[in-house]
Structures are given as structure tokens and as C-alpha cells.
Amino acid sequence: MAEFSKYNFNVIEWDGVSDLELDNPYSAAVDVTGDPNAGIVAPRKLKLNVTQQPTEIQNVEFPFELTINDSNNYFTSTGLIIVPNSLDSGVKINGITSQQSFTTRTGKLICKFLGNDEWIIYDPVRITDPGSTGAQGIQGMQGVQGIQGVQGFQGIQGFQGVQGIQGIQGV
């Protein structure tokens, strides 16, 4: 078996029979060859690479990227449960510290380590896919009455009236 190195593109094959804990900082891809959602003890989890070990060589560092290849479409509807590594604490995935399930339409999930105990995981096609439009929100409250406006300018002088007729003669 070839030795893992950060200078090689190292791929791990996962048969999905048990949880997969990525303990090697040089793992760059996971090829899923079996369904982790099948069987009696399903679903199994993928535990991300270590980020908080005391020595630098044990950790992945920014800008690390892991690609999960799902060529058999196991995660199109059921999803893959991904959790931070058990050796780490307080690590967030997409802003949340608990496990999350991810589906894919492309057969790929991209896991990027952003540093500062933060991972972001996404399906590459979903970045450009806007999804459906949500329902219209409720109408807001009526606003407050405005203040009285400023007085307008004085109008122009009107035309001179017509001359009146002579009155009747008195008795």
C-alpha cells in the first residue's frame, strides 16, 4: 500500500459497513463503495479530519479540502451524516456544532476546512441552484401618519372682472 503524504492525492475507499473516522491529515478524498445507510446499525457516520491536535503534523490546516465521491448515489435522498472528529471539541459544520446530514445531486460533497474550528460542506451544484421561491410573507403594519407639509406659495393675481351694467332709475 502506498504511504500517505501531503504531496499525493490520497484516496480512502469506504465500504460503509462501519463509521469512518478520518485520522490522517493527508486524506484528500473518500470514495464511497458501500451504502452507510443500509443494514441493521445504519446510518453510519463520516467523522471529519482532526483539526485540534497538539502537533501541527496531526491536523488538517486551512485551506484543506476533502472530496466525498458518491458514484453510486447513496446520498441523493437519505443523505450522509457528517460529524466533527471525536478528538476535536467545539468544531462547527456550516455554523452548527452537532452532526448534520448532507444529500448530493452531483455525486460529490465538498468539505472545506476554513480554519478557526469551522468546516463548510456543500454539493457543488447547489451553489448555483437557487431552489424554489418561498411563500409570500404576511402584510406589514400600517405606518405612522406623516407630519403636515409646508405652506404652499401664494397664487398669481386673478383677471379683472367685467364692468357691471347701469342700475335702474329710482322713483
C-alpha atoms as a PDB file:
ATOM      1  CA  MET A   1       0.000   0.000   0.000  1.00  0.00           C
ATOM      2  CA  ALA A   2       1.269   3.461  -0.847  1.00  0.00           C
ATOM      3  CA  GLU A   3       2.209   5.686   2.040  1.00  0.00           C
ATOM      4  CA  PHE A   4       0.040   8.728   2.717  1.00  0.00           C
ATOM      5  CA  SER A   5       1.677  12.052   2.037  1.00  0.00           C
ATOM      6  CA  LYS A   6       0.516  15.624   1.758  1.00  0.00           C
ATOM      7  CA  TYR A   7       2.254  15.726  -1.612  1.00  0.00           C
ATOM      8  CA  ASN A   8      -0.007  12.986  -3.068  1.00  0.00           C
ATOM      9  CA  PHE A   9      -3.735  12.927  -3.737  1.00  0.00           C
ATOM     10  CA  ASN A  10      -4.647  10.306  -1.131  1.00  0.00           C
ATOM     11  CA  VAL A  11      -7.973   8.492  -1.576  1.00  0.00           C
ATOM     12  CA  ILE A  12      -9.695   6.295   1.010  1.00  0.00           C
ATOM     13  CA  GLU A  13     -12.286   3.732  -0.060  1.00  0.00           C
ATOM     14  CA  TRP A  14     -15.176   3.419   2.410  1.00  0.00           C
ATOM     15  CA  ASP A  15     -17.450   0.382   2.240  1.00  0.00           C
ATOM     16  CA  GLY A  16     -19.989   1.949   4.635  1.00  0.00           C
ATOM     17  CA  VAL A  17     -20.005  -1.065   6.973  1.00  0.00           C
ATOM     18  CA  SER A  18     -18.862   0.992   9.970  1.00  0.00           C
ATOM     19  CA  ASP A  19     -18.266   4.645  10.865  1.00  0.00           C
ATOM     20  CA  LEU A  20     -15.320   6.202   9.044  1.00  0.00           C
ATOM     21  CA  GLU A  21     -13.089   8.401  11.193  1.00  0.00           C
ATOM     22  CA  LEU A  22     -10.555  10.306   9.124  1.00  0.00           C
ATOM     23  CA  ASP A  23      -7.496  10.334  11.356  1.00  0.00           C
ATOM     24  CA  ASN A  24      -4.931  11.069   8.665  1.00  0.00           C
ATOM     25  CA  PRO A  25      -4.470  14.747   7.737  1.00  0.00           C
ATOM     26  CA  TYR A  26      -3.344  13.726   4.252  1.00  0.00           C
ATOM     27  CA  SER A  27      -6.647  12.139   3.176  1.00  0.00           C
ATOM     28  CA  ALA A  28      -7.910  14.223   0.250  1.00  0.00           C
ATOM     29  CA  ALA A  29     -10.849  12.136  -0.957  1.00  0.00           C
ATOM     30  CA  VAL A  30     -13.227   9.400   0.129  1.00  0.00           C
ATOM     31  CA  ASP A  31     -14.714   7.039  -2.459  1.00  0.00           C
ATOM     32  CA  VAL A  32     -17.912   5.560  -1.028  1.00  0.00           C
ATOM     33  CA  THR A  33     -18.196   1.957  -2.247  1.00  0.00           C
ATOM     34  CA  GLY A  34     -20.983   0.731   0.077  1.00  0.00           C
ATOM     35  CA  ASP A  35     -24.158   2.292   1.479  1.00  0.00           C
ATOM     36  CA  PRO A  36     -23.642   3.604   5.043  1.00  0.00           C
ATOM     37  CA  ASN A  37     -27.447   3.907   5.349  1.00  0.00           C
ATOM     38  CA  ALA A  38     -28.060   0.174   4.780  1.00  0.00           C
ATOM     39  CA  GLY A  39     -28.096  -2.569   7.381  1.00  0.00           C
ATOM     40  CA  ILE A  40     -29.180  -3.022  10.968  1.00  0.00           C
ATOM     41  CA  VAL A  41     -26.916  -0.436  12.623  1.00  0.00           C
ATOM     42  CA  ALA A  42     -27.415   2.203   9.941  1.00  0.00           C
ATOM     43  CA  PRO A  43     -26.784   5.003   9.446  1.00  0.00           C
ATOM     44  CA  ARG A  44     -23.036   5.143   9.800  1.00  0.00           C
ATOM     45  CA  LYS A  45     -21.191   8.444  10.098  1.00  0.00           C
ATOM     46  CA  LEU A  46     -18.232  10.042   8.435  1.00  0.00           C
ATOM     47  CA  LYS A  47     -16.077  11.791  11.038  1.00  0.00           C
ATOM     48  CA  LEU A  48     -14.024  14.631   9.603  1.00  0.00           C
ATOM     49  CA  ASN A  49     -10.263  15.046   9.839  1.00  0.00           C
ATOM     50  CA  VAL A  50      -8.671  16.192  13.089  1.00  0.00           C
ATOM     51  CA  THR A  51      -8.119  19.960  13.473  1.00  0.00           C
ATOM     52  CA  GLN A  52      -7.118  20.470  17.148  1.00  0.00           C
ATOM     53  CA  GLN A  53      -4.274  18.087  17.983  1.00  0.00           C
ATOM     54  CA  PRO A  54      -1.203  19.494  19.797  1.00  0.00           C
ATOM     55  CA  THR A  55       1.236  18.905  16.954  1.00  0.00           C
ATOM     56  CA  GLU A  56       0.773  20.555  13.582  1.00  0.00           C
ATOM     57  CA  ILE A  57       1.540  17.395  11.618  1.00  0.00           C
ATOM     58  CA  GLN A  58      -1.539  15.637  13.075  1.00  0.00           C
ATOM     59  CA  ASN A  59      -4.012  18.315  11.914  1.00  0.00           C
ATOM     60  CA  VAL A  60      -5.502  19.472   8.687  1.00  0.00           C
ATOM     61  CA  GLU A  61      -4.937  23.167   8.122  1.00  0.00           C
ATOM     62  CA  PHE A  62      -6.582  25.896   6.097  1.00  0.00           C
ATOM     63  CA  PRO A  63      -7.087  25.638   3.081  1.00  0.00           C
ATOM     64  CA  PHE A  64      -7.715  21.880   3.357  1.00  0.00           C
ATOM     65  CA  GLU A  65     -10.402  20.338   1.119  1.00  0.00           C
ATOM     66  CA  LEU A  66     -11.870  16.842   1.277  1.00  0.00           C
ATOM     67  CA  THR A  67     -13.973  15.449  -1.575  1.00  0.00           C
ATOM     68  CA  ILE A  68     -16.528  12.719  -0.889  1.00  0.00           C
ATOM     69  CA  ASN A  69     -17.323  10.770  -4.064  1.00  0.00           C
ATOM     70  CA  ASP A  70     -20.733   9.076  -4.120  1.00  0.00           C
ATOM     71  CA  SER A  71     -20.688   7.477  -7.583  1.00  0.00           C
ATOM     72  CA  ASN A  72     -23.435   5.006  -6.564  1.00  0.00           C
ATOM     73  CA  ASN A  73     -25.865   7.780  -5.494  1.00  0.00           C
ATOM     74  CA  TYR A  74     -26.308   6.569  -1.903  1.00  0.00           C
ATOM     75  CA  PHE A  75     -26.831  10.133  -0.681  1.00  0.00           C
ATOM     76  CA  THR A  76     -29.327  11.518  -3.200  1.00  0.00           C
ATOM     77  CA  SER A  77     -32.269  11.229  -0.808  1.00  0.00           C
ATOM     78  CA  THR A  78     -31.197   9.677   2.501  1.00  0.00           C
ATOM     79  CA  GLY A  79     -28.062  11.749   2.954  1.00  0.00           C
ATOM     80  CA  LEU A  80     -24.718  11.169   4.644  1.00  0.00           C
ATOM     81  CA  ILE A  81     -24.283  12.007   8.318  1.00  0.00           C
ATOM     82  CA  ILE A  82     -21.093  14.008   8.849  1.00  0.00           C
ATOM     83  CA  VAL A  83     -19.729  14.932  12.282  1.00  0.00           C
ATOM     84  CA  PRO A  84     -16.597  16.664  13.598  1.00  0.00           C
ATOM     85  CA  ASN A  85     -13.761  14.347  14.598  1.00  0.00           C
ATOM     86  CA  SER A  86     -14.148  12.840  18.086  1.00  0.00           C
ATOM     87  CA  LEU A  87     -10.719  14.250  19.050  1.00  0.00           C
ATOM     88  CA  ASP A  88     -11.955  17.826  18.428  1.00  0.00           C
ATOM     89  CA  SER A  89     -14.325  19.928  20.524  1.00  0.00           C
ATOM     90  CA  GLY A  90     -16.488  22.898  19.560  1.00  0.00           C
ATOM     91  CA  VAL A  91     -15.862  22.395  15.837  1.00  0.00           C
ATOM     92  CA  LYS A  92     -18.692  23.698  13.644  1.00  0.00           C
ATOM     93  CA  ILE A  93     -20.012  22.340  10.374  1.00  0.00           C
ATOM     94  CA  ASN A  94     -21.873  25.020   8.420  1.00  0.00           C
ATOM     95  CA  GLY A  95     -22.189  27.015  11.650  1.00  0.00           C
ATOM     96  CA  ILE A  96     -23.572  24.165  13.813  1.00  0.00           C
ATOM     97  CA  THR A  97     -21.654  22.022  16.334  1.00  0.00           C
ATOM     98  CA  SER A  98     -23.851  18.906  16.037  1.00  0.00           C
ATOM     99  CA  GLN A  99     -23.990  16.239  13.338  1.00  0.00           C
ATOM    100  CA  GLN A 100     -25.666  17.040  10.033  1.00  0.00           C
ATOM    101  CA  SER A 101     -26.960  15.030   7.094  1.00  0.00           C
ATOM    102  CA  PHE A 102     -25.982  16.025   3.556  1.00  0.00           C
ATOM    103  CA  THR A 103     -27.536  14.977   0.246  1.00  0.00           C
ATOM    104  CA  THR A 104     -25.997  15.334  -3.192  1.00  0.00           C
ATOM    105  CA  ARG A 105     -27.260  15.623  -6.752  1.00  0.00           C
ATOM    106  CA  THR A 106     -23.802  15.535  -8.327  1.00  0.00           C
ATOM    107  CA  GLY A 107     -22.402  12.510  -6.508  1.00  0.00           C
ATOM    108  CA  LYS A 108     -19.903  14.772  -4.736  1.00  0.00           C
ATOM    109  CA  LEU A 109     -19.754  16.563  -1.420  1.00  0.00           C
ATOM    110  CA  ILE A 110     -17.017  19.127  -0.830  1.00  0.00           C
ATOM    111  CA  CYS A 111     -15.771  19.596   2.753  1.00  0.00           C
ATOM    112  CA  LYS A 112     -13.592  22.681   3.208  1.00  0.00           C
ATOM    113  CA  PHE A 113     -11.772  23.471   6.424  1.00  0.00           C
ATOM    114  CA  LEU A 114     -11.908  27.239   6.888  1.00  0.00           C
ATOM    115  CA  GLY A 115      -9.720  27.407   9.997  1.00  0.00           C
ATOM    116  CA  ASN A 116     -10.926  28.668  13.380  1.00  0.00           C
ATOM    117  CA  ASP A 117     -12.726  25.353  14.084  1.00  0.00           C
ATOM    118  CA  GLU A 118     -15.059  25.804  11.105  1.00  0.00           C
ATOM    119  CA  TRP A 119     -15.929  23.439   8.235  1.00  0.00           C
ATOM    120  CA  ILE A 120     -18.244  24.178   5.320  1.00  0.00           C
ATOM    121  CA  ILE A 121     -19.803  21.288   3.426  1.00  0.00           C
ATOM    122  CA  TYR A 122     -21.768  21.553   0.191  1.00  0.00           C
ATOM    123  CA  ASP A 123     -22.831  19.871  -3.029  1.00  0.00           C
ATOM    124  CA  PRO A 124     -21.163  21.840  -5.847  1.00  0.00           C
ATOM    125  CA  VAL A 125     -24.362  22.063  -7.923  1.00  0.00           C
ATOM    126  CA  ARG A 126     -26.388  23.532  -5.073  1.00  0.00           C
ATOM    127  CA  ILE A 127     -24.277  26.671  -5.020  1.00  0.00           C
ATOM    128  CA  THR A 128     -25.750  27.748  -8.357  1.00  0.00           C
ATOM    129  CA  ASP A 129     -29.192  26.140  -7.950  1.00  0.00           C
ATOM    130  CA  PRO A 130     -31.485  28.794  -6.477  1.00  0.00           C
ATOM    131  CA  GLY A 131     -34.225  26.368  -5.446  1.00  0.00           C
ATOM    132  CA  SER A 132     -37.922  27.179  -5.327  1.00  0.00           C
ATOM    133  CA  THR A 133     -39.369  30.512  -4.299  1.00  0.00           C
ATOM    134  CA  GLY A 134     -40.766  30.651  -0.796  1.00  0.00           C
ATOM    135  CA  ALA A 135     -44.310  31.625   0.172  1.00  0.00           C
ATOM    136  CA  GLN A 136     -45.233  35.292   0.315  1.00  0.00           C
ATOM    137  CA  GLY A 137     -44.929  36.806   3.755  1.00  0.00           C
ATOM    138  CA  ILE A 138     -47.728  38.480   5.703  1.00  0.00           C
ATOM    139  CA  GLN A 139     -48.549  42.137   5.132  1.00  0.00           C
ATOM    140  CA  GLY A 140     -46.812  44.518   7.474  1.00  0.00           C
ATOM    141  CA  MET A 141     -48.466  47.013   9.827  1.00  0.00           C
ATOM    142  CA  GLN A 142     -49.651  50.430   8.629  1.00  0.00           C
ATOM    143  CA  GLY A 143     -47.056  53.096   9.115  1.00  0.00           C
ATOM    144  CA  VAL A 144     -47.429  56.192  11.307  1.00  0.00           C
ATOM    145  CA  GLN A 145     -49.099  59.321   9.914  1.00  0.00           C
ATOM    146  CA  GLY A 146     -46.714  61.798   8.405  1.00  0.00           C
ATOM    147  CA  ILE A 147     -46.267  65.422   9.535  1.00  0.00           C
ATOM    148  CA  GLN A 148     -48.069  68.357   7.921  1.00  0.00           C
ATOM    149  CA  GLY A 149     -46.306  69.704   4.879  1.00  0.00           C
ATOM    150  CA  VAL A 150     -45.041  73.265   4.419  1.00  0.00           C
ATOM    151  CA  GLN A 151     -47.411  76.035   3.283  1.00  0.00           C
ATOM    152  CA  GLY A 152     -47.557  76.479  -0.468  1.00  0.00           C
ATOM    153  CA  PHE A 153     -46.653  79.617  -2.434  1.00  0.00           C
ATOM    154  CA  GLN A 154     -49.137  82.459  -2.922  1.00  0.00           C
ATOM    155  CA  GLY A 155     -51.062  82.082  -6.141  1.00  0.00           C
ATOM    156  CA  ILE A 156     -50.977  84.619  -9.012  1.00  0.00           C
ATOM    157  CA  GLN A 157     -53.399  87.529  -9.126  1.00  0.00           C
ATOM    158  CA  GLY A 158     -56.657  86.806 -10.920  1.00  0.00           C
ATOM    159  CA  PHE A 159     -58.031  88.700 -14.000  1.00  0.00           C
ATOM    160  CA  GLN A 160     -60.035  91.950 -13.654  1.00  0.00           C
ATOM    161  CA  GLY A 161     -63.756  91.297 -13.731  1.00  0.00           C
ATOM    162  CA  VAL A 162     -66.132  92.643 -16.418  1.00  0.00           C
ATOM    163  CA  GLN A 163     -67.798  96.048 -15.926  1.00  0.00           C
ATOM    164  CA  GLY A 164     -71.276  95.882 -14.407  1.00  0.00           C
ATOM    165  CA  ILE A 165     -74.429  97.277 -16.072  1.00  0.00           C
ATOM    166  CA  GLN A 166     -76.175 100.511 -15.077  1.00  0.00           C
ATOM    167  CA  GLY A 167     -78.799 100.156 -12.403  1.00  0.00           C
ATOM    168  CA  ILE A 168     -82.483 101.114 -12.758  1.00  0.00           C
ATOM    169  CA  GLN A 169     -83.675 104.707 -12.235  1.00  0.00           C
ATOM    170  CA  GLY A 170     -85.273 105.497  -8.936  1.00  0.00           C
ATOM    171  CA  VAL A 171     -88.851 106.913  -8.456  1.00  0.00           C
END
